[in-house]
Protein backbone atom coordinates (compact mmCIF):
# COMPACT_ATOMS: atom_id res chain seq x y z
CA MET A 1 -28.39 -3.51 2.65
CA THR A 2 -27.71 -4.75 -0.85
CA GLU A 3 -26.54 -8.28 -1.49
CA GLN A 4 -22.94 -9.02 -0.63
CA ARG A 5 -20.65 -8.30 -3.55
CA LYS A 6 -17.26 -9.87 -3.90
CA PHE A 7 -14.24 -8.92 -5.89
CA LYS A 8 -14.04 -10.25 -9.41
CA ILE A 9 -10.44 -11.41 -9.71
CA SER A 10 -8.44 -11.91 -12.89
CA PHE A 11 -4.81 -12.51 -13.79
CA PRO A 12 -3.87 -10.68 -17.03
CA THR A 13 -0.34 -12.11 -16.75
CA GLU A 14 1.42 -14.42 -14.30
CA LEU A 15 2.75 -11.30 -12.50
CA GLU A 16 -0.47 -9.26 -12.31
CA LEU A 17 -3.64 -9.45 -10.27
CA VAL A 18 -6.73 -7.35 -11.08
CA MET A 19 -9.65 -7.05 -8.67
CA GLU A 20 -12.94 -5.24 -9.36
CA ARG A 21 -15.82 -4.44 -7.03
CA GLU A 22 -18.83 -2.13 -7.31
CA PHE A 23 -20.10 0.18 -4.59
CA ASP A 24 -23.42 1.96 -4.18
CA ALA A 25 -21.71 5.27 -3.44
CA PRO A 26 -20.27 8.20 -5.40
CA ARG A 27 -16.65 7.80 -6.41
CA GLU A 28 -15.54 10.84 -4.36
CA LEU A 29 -16.82 9.14 -1.21
CA VAL A 30 -15.21 5.80 -2.09
CA PHE A 31 -11.92 7.50 -2.99
CA ASN A 32 -11.82 9.63 0.17
CA ALA A 33 -12.49 6.59 2.37
CA HIS A 34 -9.19 5.14 1.12
CA LEU A 35 -7.06 8.15 2.07
CA ASP A 36 -8.68 9.60 5.21
CA PRO A 37 -6.83 8.47 8.35
CA GLU A 38 -9.97 9.07 10.46
CA ILE A 39 -12.15 6.82 8.26
CA ILE A 40 -9.73 3.97 7.48
CA PRO A 41 -9.90 2.38 10.97
CA LEU A 42 -13.69 2.13 10.58
CA TRP A 43 -13.46 -0.33 7.69
CA TRP A 44 -9.91 -1.42 6.81
CA GLY A 45 -9.17 -5.07 7.52
CA PRO A 46 -11.15 -8.16 8.49
CA ARG A 47 -13.63 -7.82 11.36
CA GLN A 48 -11.55 -9.62 13.99
CA TYR A 49 -8.81 -6.99 13.71
CA LYS A 50 -8.62 -3.42 14.90
CA THR A 51 -6.70 -1.12 12.57
CA ARG A 52 -4.79 1.97 13.53
CA VAL A 53 -3.22 4.37 11.09
CA GLU A 54 0.36 4.95 12.16
CA ALA A 55 1.22 7.04 9.07
CA LEU A 56 -0.67 8.33 6.05
CA ASP A 57 0.93 11.06 3.95
CA ALA A 58 -1.23 11.01 0.80
CA ARG A 59 1.14 12.66 -1.67
CA PRO A 60 3.73 11.29 -4.09
CA GLY A 61 6.63 10.07 -1.96
CA GLY A 62 4.49 10.02 1.19
CA GLN A 63 4.51 6.94 3.39
CA TRP A 64 1.60 4.95 4.77
CA ARG A 65 1.61 2.38 7.56
CA PHE A 66 -1.39 0.63 9.10
CA ILE A 67 -1.19 -1.74 12.06
CA GLN A 68 -3.77 -4.47 12.56
CA ARG A 69 -4.17 -5.93 16.03
CA GLY A 70 -5.90 -9.26 16.49
CA GLU A 71 -8.04 -10.31 19.42
CA ASP A 72 -5.02 -12.31 20.63
CA GLY A 73 -2.92 -9.13 20.79
CA ASN A 74 -0.71 -10.02 17.82
CA GLU A 75 0.00 -7.20 15.41
CA ILE A 76 0.87 -7.07 11.73
CA ALA A 77 2.04 -4.00 9.85
CA PHE A 78 1.01 -3.06 6.31
CA PHE A 79 3.07 -0.34 4.65
CA GLY A 80 4.11 1.41 1.48
CA GLU A 81 4.71 4.65 -0.35
CA TYR A 82 2.34 6.72 -2.46
CA ARG A 83 3.58 7.19 -6.02
CA LEU A 84 0.68 9.11 -7.59
CA ILE A 85 -2.50 10.74 -6.31
CA SER A 86 -5.15 11.92 -8.79
CA PRO A 87 -8.09 13.06 -6.61
CA HIS A 88 -11.26 11.00 -7.02
CA ASP A 89 -9.79 9.23 -10.05
CA LYS A 90 -6.90 7.02 -8.93
CA PHE A 91 -3.86 6.56 -6.77
CA VAL A 92 -0.77 4.37 -7.02
CA ASN A 93 1.18 3.06 -4.06
CA THR A 94 3.48 0.28 -3.04
CA PHE A 95 2.08 -2.37 -0.71
CA GLY A 96 3.85 -4.70 1.68
CA PHE A 97 3.14 -6.43 4.95
CA ASP A 98 5.11 -8.16 7.67
CA GLY A 99 5.98 -11.62 6.39
CA MET A 100 5.21 -10.89 2.74
CA PRO A 101 7.72 -12.55 0.42
CA GLY A 102 9.91 -10.15 -1.59
CA GLU A 103 9.79 -6.38 -1.75
CA PRO A 104 6.57 -4.34 -1.62
CA GLY A 105 4.74 -4.53 -4.93
CA GLU A 106 2.98 -1.73 -6.76
CA GLU A 107 -0.78 -1.25 -6.68
CA GLU A 108 -3.00 1.06 -8.70
CA TYR A 109 -6.50 1.92 -7.48
CA ASN A 110 -8.93 3.24 -10.11
CA PHE A 111 -12.27 4.75 -9.10
CA ILE A 112 -14.67 4.64 -12.04
CA ASP A 113 -17.92 6.63 -11.94
CA LEU A 114 -20.71 4.33 -13.16
CA GLY A 115 -23.38 7.02 -12.83
CA ASN A 116 -26.38 7.01 -10.51
CA GLY A 117 -24.10 7.29 -7.46
CA ARG A 118 -22.29 4.01 -8.19
CA THR A 119 -18.54 3.40 -8.37
CA LEU A 120 -16.39 0.61 -9.75
CA LEU A 121 -13.12 0.12 -7.90
CA ARG A 122 -10.51 -1.60 -10.07
CA THR A 123 -7.16 -2.43 -8.48
CA TYR A 124 -4.06 -3.62 -10.31
CA SER A 125 -1.30 -5.32 -8.36
CA LYS A 126 2.07 -6.03 -9.96
CA PHE A 127 4.55 -8.56 -8.62
CA LYS A 128 8.22 -9.17 -9.33
CA SER A 129 7.80 -12.94 -9.53
CA LYS A 130 5.16 -15.61 -9.83
CA GLU A 131 6.22 -16.84 -6.38
CA GLU A 132 5.48 -13.43 -4.83
CA LEU A 133 1.97 -13.42 -6.35
CA GLU A 134 1.35 -16.99 -5.20
CA GLY A 135 2.61 -16.11 -1.70
CA VAL A 136 0.21 -13.19 -1.40
CA LEU A 137 -2.70 -15.35 -2.59
CA ALA A 138 -1.72 -18.08 -0.10
CA SER A 139 -1.73 -15.51 2.73
CA GLY A 140 -5.54 -15.26 2.59
CA MET A 141 -5.53 -12.02 0.63
CA GLU A 142 -8.77 -12.76 -1.27
CA TRP A 143 -10.75 -13.52 1.88
CA GLY A 144 -9.27 -10.51 3.70
CA ALA A 145 -9.93 -8.13 0.80
CA ASN A 146 -13.53 -9.27 0.48
CA GLU A 147 -14.27 -8.92 4.19
CA THR A 148 -12.53 -5.53 4.25
CA TYR A 149 -14.63 -4.25 1.36
CA ASP A 150 -17.81 -5.70 2.90
CA ARG A 151 -17.01 -3.39 5.81
CA LEU A 152 -16.44 -0.47 3.42
CA ASP A 153 -19.87 -1.21 1.87
CA GLU A 154 -21.41 -0.96 5.35
CA TYR A 155 -19.59 2.32 6.09
CA LEU A 156 -20.67 3.84 2.75
CA ALA A 157 -24.29 2.74 3.20
CA ALA A 158 -24.40 4.70 6.48
CA LYS A 159 -23.25 7.92 4.76
């Protein structure tokens, strides 16, 4: 397996978070892994959690809801609504989770073909306040996102 890659994180403004990560897989495969309810439980979330897809209606206005269950039996729900789906190119959704401060924020996922079967995933997250952004960062988001996408790397490498 290739070396572990982590998200490159930047903050264009005090209300925006941008994360980028490269994958050794074609963008269609990376894109589809994000919207296929059969595949998502295989990689979504940190390793100590099991994820089940309770809802995933990948169309504008469609809802999504994933439940993560820890080894201790505790569950946390992640949820939102799809705003835009452009196959293999990008999608936009809202994103919230149990205990997240404020209302669900908007995220945009861009899948950029780098050639030679490689893809750059660039995500933009927008927040309504600096406190909301700081709250999400304090929740362990960076660690969780990196471990989640390490798992996606492993799934893609097996394809």
